[in-house]
Amino acid sequence: MELSLYHLVREPKIKQEKNPLLVLLHGYGSNEEDLFSFASELPEEYYVISARAPYSLMHGAYAWYAINFDADEKKFSDLDQARTSRDLIVQFIDELVANYPIDVEKVTLIGFSQGCILSYSVALSYPQKVQRIVGMSGYFNEDIAIENYQENDFSNLQIFASHGNADQVVPVEWARKAKPTLDSLGIKNIYKEYPVGHGVAPQNFYDFRNWLEETK
């Protein structure tokens, strides 16, 4: 079916009347097959749907928005493209719910790097659409969230965030700023660091998979 984002689907192995949903959002310069490579390891009751970012960089490489690698944290991102992608992901979630037997109250975003940054902005802008996020190797950029996002009801939102403390692409200091913000908003969250660079350590994967089981 033609939805607003190209995507891969792993059907749930345990079919229910309405199944929970995991949406995978890849990082800059990657594609929908990246995170989908561990779809078979994710809990069997979920639809696992991996989306391709809308901006093409070159063959097989896509981005949610342009970035300037030479800039500081504030000038790093093309904010207009990022906000467009934020709303495109929200639209995509609505389309998935309309086209698949998905439990609208059990939607989780799993994002890596740029996908993590977008997961934060979607969840904090539209917490009625997303109940949980797993945010890996990214950070919260409130400039990509909607205006007055702080006034949203976050009572049903939970976040598992993680980062490599040797990350050479997204500085760990940027990631660490999220927890105080989330705490101040009353959002239930866990933040963990692992002794790796810009990637997902095996322990990180096991930790977030266990978290998915514990918080469902």
C-alpha atoms as a PDB file:
ATOM      1  CA  MET A   1       0.000   0.000   0.000  1.00  0.00           C
ATOM      2  CA  GLU A   2       1.131   3.539  -0.726  1.00  0.00           C
ATOM      3  CA  LEU A   3       1.707   5.461   2.487  1.00  0.00           C
ATOM      4  CA  SER A   4       3.544   8.746   2.917  1.00  0.00           C
ATOM      5  CA  LEU A   5       6.828   7.001   3.836  1.00  0.00           C
ATOM      6  CA  TYR A   6       8.317   3.934   2.167  1.00  0.00           C
ATOM      7  CA  HIS A   7       8.591   1.191   4.800  1.00  0.00           C
ATOM      8  CA  LEU A   8       9.267  -2.448   5.615  1.00  0.00           C
ATOM      9  CA  VAL A   9       6.863  -4.523   7.698  1.00  0.00           C
ATOM     10  CA  ARG A  10       7.360  -7.459  10.034  1.00  0.00           C
ATOM     11  CA  GLU A  11       3.948  -8.831  10.836  1.00  0.00           C
ATOM     12  CA  PRO A  12       3.326  -9.890  14.420  1.00  0.00           C
ATOM     13  CA  LYS A  13       3.865 -13.594  14.994  1.00  0.00           C
ATOM     14  CA  ILE A  14       1.221 -13.496  17.704  1.00  0.00           C
ATOM     15  CA  LYS A  15      -1.897 -11.996  16.088  1.00  0.00           C
ATOM     16  CA  GLN A  16      -4.320 -10.115  18.299  1.00  0.00           C
ATOM     17  CA  GLU A  17      -7.445  -8.153  17.470  1.00  0.00           C
ATOM     18  CA  LYS A  18      -5.274  -5.033  17.795  1.00  0.00           C
ATOM     19  CA  ASN A  19      -1.497  -5.399  17.967  1.00  0.00           C
ATOM     20  CA  PRO A  20       1.018  -2.958  19.428  1.00  0.00           C
ATOM     21  CA  LEU A  21       3.321  -1.114  17.021  1.00  0.00           C
ATOM     22  CA  LEU A  22       7.065  -0.437  16.920  1.00  0.00           C
ATOM     23  CA  VAL A  23       8.120   2.190  14.363  1.00  0.00           C
ATOM     24  CA  LEU A  24      11.849   2.159  13.548  1.00  0.00           C
ATOM     25  CA  LEU A  25      13.481   5.452  12.503  1.00  0.00           C
ATOM     26  CA  HIS A  26      17.009   5.191  11.105  1.00  0.00           C
ATOM     27  CA  GLY A  27      19.873   7.671  11.275  1.00  0.00           C
ATOM     28  CA  TYR A  28      21.347  10.149   8.793  1.00  0.00           C
ATOM     29  CA  GLY A  29      22.750   8.545   5.651  1.00  0.00           C
ATOM     30  CA  SER A  30      21.196   5.156   6.351  1.00  0.00           C
ATOM     31  CA  ASN A  31      17.950   3.514   5.229  1.00  0.00           C
ATOM     32  CA  GLU A  32      14.975   1.456   6.369  1.00  0.00           C
ATOM     33  CA  GLU A  33      16.930  -1.821   6.258  1.00  0.00           C
ATOM     34  CA  ASP A  34      19.393  -0.749   8.969  1.00  0.00           C
ATOM     35  CA  LEU A  35      17.347  -1.070  12.172  1.00  0.00           C
ATOM     36  CA  PHE A  36      15.061  -3.628  10.497  1.00  0.00           C
ATOM     37  CA  SER A  37      17.989  -6.044  10.677  1.00  0.00           C
ATOM     38  CA  PHE A  38      17.114  -6.751  14.315  1.00  0.00           C
ATOM     39  CA  ALA A  39      13.325  -6.887  13.775  1.00  0.00           C
ATOM     40  CA  SER A  40      13.344 -10.683  14.192  1.00  0.00           C
ATOM     41  CA  GLU A  41      14.771 -10.215  17.705  1.00  0.00           C
ATOM     42  CA  LEU A  42      11.943  -7.931  18.846  1.00  0.00           C
ATOM     43  CA  PRO A  43       8.891  -9.184  20.784  1.00  0.00           C
ATOM     44  CA  GLU A  44       6.559 -11.309  18.699  1.00  0.00           C
ATOM     45  CA  GLU A  45       3.286  -9.520  19.389  1.00  0.00           C
ATOM     46  CA  TYR A  46       4.360  -6.272  17.688  1.00  0.00           C
ATOM     47  CA  TYR A  47       3.990  -4.938  14.200  1.00  0.00           C
ATOM     48  CA  VAL A  48       7.547  -3.812  13.474  1.00  0.00           C
ATOM     49  CA  ILE A  49       7.557  -1.166  10.755  1.00  0.00           C
ATOM     50  CA  SER A  50      10.765   0.490   9.577  1.00  0.00           C
ATOM     51  CA  ALA A  51      10.392   3.811   7.738  1.00  0.00           C
ATOM     52  CA  ARG A  52      12.663   5.354   5.129  1.00  0.00           C
ATOM     53  CA  ALA A  53      13.492   9.040   5.633  1.00  0.00           C
ATOM     54  CA  PRO A  54      12.199  11.369   2.882  1.00  0.00           C
ATOM     55  CA  TYR A  55      15.384  13.133   1.754  1.00  0.00           C
ATOM     56  CA  SER A  56      17.693  11.203  -0.579  1.00  0.00           C
ATOM     57  CA  LEU A  57      21.431  11.805  -0.196  1.00  0.00           C
ATOM     58  CA  MET A  58      22.678   9.197  -2.660  1.00  0.00           C
ATOM     59  CA  HIS A  59      21.772   5.658  -3.656  1.00  0.00           C
ATOM     60  CA  GLY A  60      20.610   3.822  -0.532  1.00  0.00           C
ATOM     61  CA  ALA A  61      21.291   6.761   1.792  1.00  0.00           C
ATOM     62  CA  TYR A  62      18.538   8.946   3.230  1.00  0.00           C
ATOM     63  CA  ALA A  63      18.091  11.692   5.812  1.00  0.00           C
ATOM     64  CA  TRP A  64      15.269  13.133   7.877  1.00  0.00           C
ATOM     65  CA  TYR A  65      16.852  16.565   7.422  1.00  0.00           C
ATOM     66  CA  ALA A  66      20.108  18.144   6.287  1.00  0.00           C
ATOM     67  CA  ILE A  67      22.844  18.626   8.871  1.00  0.00           C
ATOM     68  CA  ASN A  68      25.956  20.780   9.017  1.00  0.00           C
ATOM     69  CA  PHE A  69      28.744  18.747  10.562  1.00  0.00           C
ATOM     70  CA  ASP A  70      30.915  21.841  11.143  1.00  0.00           C
ATOM     71  CA  ALA A  71      28.350  23.696  13.246  1.00  0.00           C
ATOM     72  CA  ASP A  72      27.617  23.781  16.956  1.00  0.00           C
ATOM     73  CA  GLU A  73      24.529  22.240  18.541  1.00  0.00           C
ATOM     74  CA  LYS A  74      22.263  25.180  17.637  1.00  0.00           C
ATOM     75  CA  LYS A  75      23.201  25.411  13.948  1.00  0.00           C
ATOM     76  CA  PHE A  76      23.664  21.669  13.389  1.00  0.00           C
ATOM     77  CA  SER A  77      20.242  20.965  11.877  1.00  0.00           C
ATOM     78  CA  ASP A  78      18.014  22.200   9.056  1.00  0.00           C
ATOM     79  CA  LEU A  79      15.100  22.926  11.371  1.00  0.00           C
ATOM     80  CA  ASP A  80      12.494  23.453   8.649  1.00  0.00           C
ATOM     81  CA  GLN A  81      13.237  20.046   7.121  1.00  0.00           C
ATOM     82  CA  ALA A  82      13.285  18.508  10.599  1.00  0.00           C
ATOM     83  CA  ARG A  83       9.849  19.909  11.466  1.00  0.00           C
ATOM     84  CA  THR A  84       8.489  18.709   8.118  1.00  0.00           C
ATOM     85  CA  SER A  85       9.783  15.208   8.894  1.00  0.00           C
ATOM     86  CA  ARG A  86       8.322  15.403  12.409  1.00  0.00           C
ATOM     87  CA  ASP A  87       4.850  16.000  10.996  1.00  0.00           C
ATOM     88  CA  LEU A  88       5.388  13.422   8.251  1.00  0.00           C
ATOM     89  CA  ILE A  89       6.091  10.781  10.921  1.00  0.00           C
ATOM     90  CA  VAL A  90       2.904  11.761  12.766  1.00  0.00           C
ATOM     91  CA  GLN A  91       0.948  11.440   9.504  1.00  0.00           C
ATOM     92  CA  PHE A  92       2.635   8.076   8.867  1.00  0.00           C
ATOM     93  CA  ILE A  93       1.562   6.805  12.310  1.00  0.00           C
ATOM     94  CA  ASP A  94      -2.036   7.826  11.531  1.00  0.00           C
ATOM     95  CA  GLU A  95      -1.837   6.001   8.188  1.00  0.00           C
ATOM     96  CA  LEU A  96      -0.460   2.851   9.811  1.00  0.00           C
ATOM     97  CA  VAL A  97      -3.270   2.849  12.379  1.00  0.00           C
ATOM     98  CA  ALA A  98      -5.804   3.268   9.541  1.00  0.00           C
ATOM     99  CA  ASN A  99      -4.309   0.469   7.406  1.00  0.00           C
ATOM    100  CA  TYR A 100      -3.239  -2.155   9.960  1.00  0.00           C
ATOM    101  CA  PRO A 101      -5.001  -3.632  13.028  1.00  0.00           C
ATOM    102  CA  ILE A 102      -2.870  -1.574  15.432  1.00  0.00           C
ATOM    103  CA  ASP A 103      -3.664  -0.649  19.019  1.00  0.00           C
ATOM    104  CA  VAL A 104      -3.573   3.155  18.897  1.00  0.00           C
ATOM    105  CA  GLU A 105      -2.708   3.232  22.609  1.00  0.00           C
ATOM    106  CA  LYS A 106       0.412   1.080  22.174  1.00  0.00           C
ATOM    107  CA  VAL A 107       2.631   2.934  19.712  1.00  0.00           C
ATOM    108  CA  THR A 108       6.407   2.996  20.300  1.00  0.00           C
ATOM    109  CA  LEU A 109       9.082   4.821  18.305  1.00  0.00           C
ATOM    110  CA  ILE A 110      12.605   3.347  18.195  1.00  0.00           C
ATOM    111  CA  GLY A 111      15.031   5.879  16.788  1.00  0.00           C
ATOM    112  CA  PHE A 112      18.779   5.927  16.214  1.00  0.00           C
ATOM    113  CA  SER A 113      20.744   9.188  15.879  1.00  0.00           C
ATOM    114  CA  GLN A 114      18.605  11.456  13.660  1.00  0.00           C
ATOM    115  CA  GLY A 115      15.779   8.994  14.172  1.00  0.00           C
ATOM    116  CA  CYS A 116      16.207   9.434  17.934  1.00  0.00           C
ATOM    117  CA  ILE A 117      16.074  13.232  17.613  1.00  0.00           C
ATOM    118  CA  LEU A 118      12.854  12.922  15.592  1.00  0.00           C
ATOM    119  CA  SER A 119      11.409  10.427  18.098  1.00  0.00           C
ATOM    120  CA  TYR A 120      11.862  12.936  20.901  1.00  0.00           C
ATOM    121  CA  SER A 121      10.257  15.745  18.898  1.00  0.00           C
ATOM    122  CA  VAL A 122       7.278  13.630  17.793  1.00  0.00           C
ATOM    123  CA  ALA A 123       6.608  12.234  21.273  1.00  0.00           C
ATOM    124  CA  LEU A 124       6.931  15.543  23.125  1.00  0.00           C
ATOM    125  CA  SER A 125       4.914  17.400  20.469  1.00  0.00           C
ATOM    126  CA  TYR A 126       2.175  14.773  20.130  1.00  0.00           C
ATOM    127  CA  PRO A 127       2.192  12.524  23.217  1.00  0.00           C
ATOM    128  CA  GLN A 128      -1.362  11.453  22.385  1.00  0.00           C
ATOM    129  CA  LYS A 129       0.076   9.616  19.348  1.00  0.00           C
ATOM    130  CA  VAL A 130       3.050   7.884  20.997  1.00  0.00           C
ATOM    131  CA  GLN A 131       3.220   6.148  24.363  1.00  0.00           C
ATOM    132  CA  ARG A 132       6.905   5.152  24.444  1.00  0.00           C
ATOM    133  CA  ILE A 133      10.149   5.929  22.722  1.00  0.00           C
ATOM    134  CA  VAL A 134      13.514   4.236  22.628  1.00  0.00           C
ATOM    135  CA  GLY A 135      15.987   6.978  21.724  1.00  0.00           C
ATOM    136  CA  MET A 136      19.538   5.852  20.958  1.00  0.00           C
ATOM    137  CA  SER A 137      22.583   7.987  20.143  1.00  0.00           C
ATOM    138  CA  GLY A 138      20.625  11.209  19.729  1.00  0.00           C
ATOM    139  CA  TYR A 139      19.444  14.164  21.793  1.00  0.00           C
ATOM    140  CA  PHE A 140      16.378  16.304  22.407  1.00  0.00           C
ATOM    141  CA  ASN A 141      16.297  19.453  20.272  1.00  0.00           C
ATOM    142  CA  GLU A 142      13.362  21.489  21.530  1.00  0.00           C
ATOM    143  CA  ASP A 143      13.536  23.694  18.413  1.00  0.00           C
ATOM    144  CA  ILE A 144      12.049  20.744  16.501  1.00  0.00           C
ATOM    145  CA  ALA A 145       9.163  20.339  18.964  1.00  0.00           C
ATOM    146  CA  ILE A 146       5.945  22.298  18.487  1.00  0.00           C
ATOM    147  CA  GLU A 147       5.489  25.610  20.273  1.00  0.00           C
ATOM    148  CA  ASN A 148       4.401  25.314  23.917  1.00  0.00           C
ATOM    149  CA  TYR A 149       5.015  21.557  23.885  1.00  0.00           C
ATOM    150  CA  GLN A 150       5.651  21.851  27.641  1.00  0.00           C
ATOM    151  CA  GLU A 151       1.885  22.221  28.177  1.00  0.00           C
ATOM    152  CA  ASN A 152       1.109  18.750  26.793  1.00  0.00           C
ATOM    153  CA  ASP A 153      -0.137  15.875  28.929  1.00  0.00           C
ATOM    154  CA  PHE A 154       2.810  13.484  29.289  1.00  0.00           C
ATOM    155  CA  SER A 155       1.221  11.148  31.826  1.00  0.00           C
ATOM    156  CA  ASN A 156       1.197   8.212  29.381  1.00  0.00           C
ATOM    157  CA  LEU A 157       4.666   8.777  27.902  1.00  0.00           C
ATOM    158  CA  GLN A 158       7.741   6.711  28.839  1.00  0.00           C
ATOM    159  CA  ILE A 159      11.242   7.048  27.422  1.00  0.00           C
ATOM    160  CA  PHE A 160      14.298   4.798  27.303  1.00  0.00           C
ATOM    161  CA  ALA A 161      17.304   6.860  26.170  1.00  0.00           C
ATOM    162  CA  SER A 162      20.847   5.647  25.637  1.00  0.00           C
ATOM    163  CA  HIS A 163      24.174   6.858  24.282  1.00  0.00           C
ATOM    164  CA  GLY A 164      27.721   5.714  23.735  1.00  0.00           C
ATOM    165  CA  ASN A 165      30.074   7.652  25.990  1.00  0.00           C
ATOM    166  CA  ALA A 166      32.723   7.521  23.245  1.00  0.00           C
ATOM    167  CA  ASP A 167      30.349   8.811  20.538  1.00  0.00           C
ATOM    168  CA  GLN A 168      32.373  10.798  18.010  1.00  0.00           C
ATOM    169  CA  VAL A 169      29.342  11.919  15.927  1.00  0.00           C
ATOM    170  CA  VAL A 170      26.812  13.162  18.485  1.00  0.00           C
ATOM    171  CA  PRO A 171      28.619  14.317  21.667  1.00  0.00           C
ATOM    172  CA  VAL A 172      27.406  12.537  24.790  1.00  0.00           C
ATOM    173  CA  GLU A 173      27.070  15.937  26.495  1.00  0.00           C
ATOM    174  CA  TRP A 174      24.195  16.747  24.143  1.00  0.00           C
ATOM    175  CA  ALA A 175      22.415  13.519  25.069  1.00  0.00           C
ATOM    176  CA  ARG A 176      22.819  14.081  28.806  1.00  0.00           C
ATOM    177  CA  LYS A 177      20.815  17.320  28.658  1.00  0.00           C
ATOM    178  CA  ALA A 178      17.584  15.463  27.897  1.00  0.00           C
ATOM    179  CA  LYS A 179      17.059  13.794  31.277  1.00  0.00           C
ATOM    180  CA  PRO A 180      16.796  16.999  33.372  1.00  0.00           C
ATOM    181  CA  THR A 181      14.296  18.351  30.828  1.00  0.00           C
ATOM    182  CA  LEU A 182      12.243  15.149  30.833  1.00  0.00           C
ATOM    183  CA  ASP A 183      12.347  15.005  34.625  1.00  0.00           C
ATOM    184  CA  SER A 184      11.127  18.601  34.881  1.00  0.00           C
ATOM    185  CA  LEU A 185       8.173  17.731  32.624  1.00  0.00           C
ATOM    186  CA  GLY A 186       7.295  14.721  34.780  1.00  0.00           C
ATOM    187  CA  ILE A 187       8.023  12.241  31.973  1.00  0.00           C
ATOM    188  CA  LYS A 188       8.975   8.758  33.125  1.00  0.00           C
ATOM    189  CA  ASN A 189      12.405   8.078  31.670  1.00  0.00           C
ATOM    190  CA  ILE A 190      15.576   5.997  31.906  1.00  0.00           C
ATOM    191  CA  TYR A 191      18.970   7.130  30.579  1.00  0.00           C
ATOM    192  CA  LYS A 192      21.897   4.744  30.116  1.00  0.00           C
ATOM    193  CA  GLU A 193      25.385   5.032  28.679  1.00  0.00           C
ATOM    194  CA  TYR A 194      27.523   2.320  27.141  1.00  0.00           C
ATOM    195  CA  PRO A 195      31.292   2.178  26.414  1.00  0.00           C
ATOM    196  CA  VAL A 196      30.892   2.474  22.636  1.00  0.00           C
ATOM    197  CA  GLY A 197      30.977   5.060  19.865  1.00  0.00           C
ATOM    198  CA  HIS A 198      28.104   5.982  17.542  1.00  0.00           C
ATOM    199  CA  GLY A 199      26.352   2.629  17.475  1.00  0.00           C
ATOM    200  CA  VAL A 200      24.112   0.216  19.351  1.00  0.00           C
ATOM    201  CA  ALA A 201      26.006  -1.996  21.783  1.00  0.00           C
ATOM    202  CA  PRO A 202      24.596  -5.521  22.284  1.00  0.00           C
ATOM    203  CA  GLN A 203      23.902  -4.695  25.934  1.00  0.00           C
ATOM    204  CA  ASN A 204      22.007  -1.589  24.838  1.00  0.00           C
ATOM    205  CA  PHE A 205      19.788  -3.732  22.607  1.00  0.00           C
ATOM    206  CA  TYR A 206      19.083  -6.241  25.385  1.00  0.00           C
ATOM    207  CA  ASP A 207      18.370  -3.450  27.862  1.00  0.00           C
ATOM    208  CA  PHE A 208      15.813  -1.692  25.679  1.00  0.00           C
ATOM    209  CA  ARG A 209      14.199  -4.985  24.643  1.00  0.00           C
ATOM    210  CA  ASN A 210      13.771  -5.867  28.327  1.00  0.00           C
ATOM    211  CA  TRP A 211      12.395  -2.374  28.929  1.00  0.00           C
ATOM    212  CA  LEU A 212       9.802  -2.943  26.191  1.00  0.00           C
ATOM    213  CA  GLU A 213       8.657  -6.073  28.009  1.00  0.00           C
ATOM    214  CA  GLU A 214       8.594  -4.378  31.408  1.00  0.00           C
ATOM    215  CA  THR A 215       6.627  -1.303  30.332  1.00  0.00           C
ATOM    216  CA  LYS A 216       3.981  -2.790  28.034  1.00  0.00           C
END
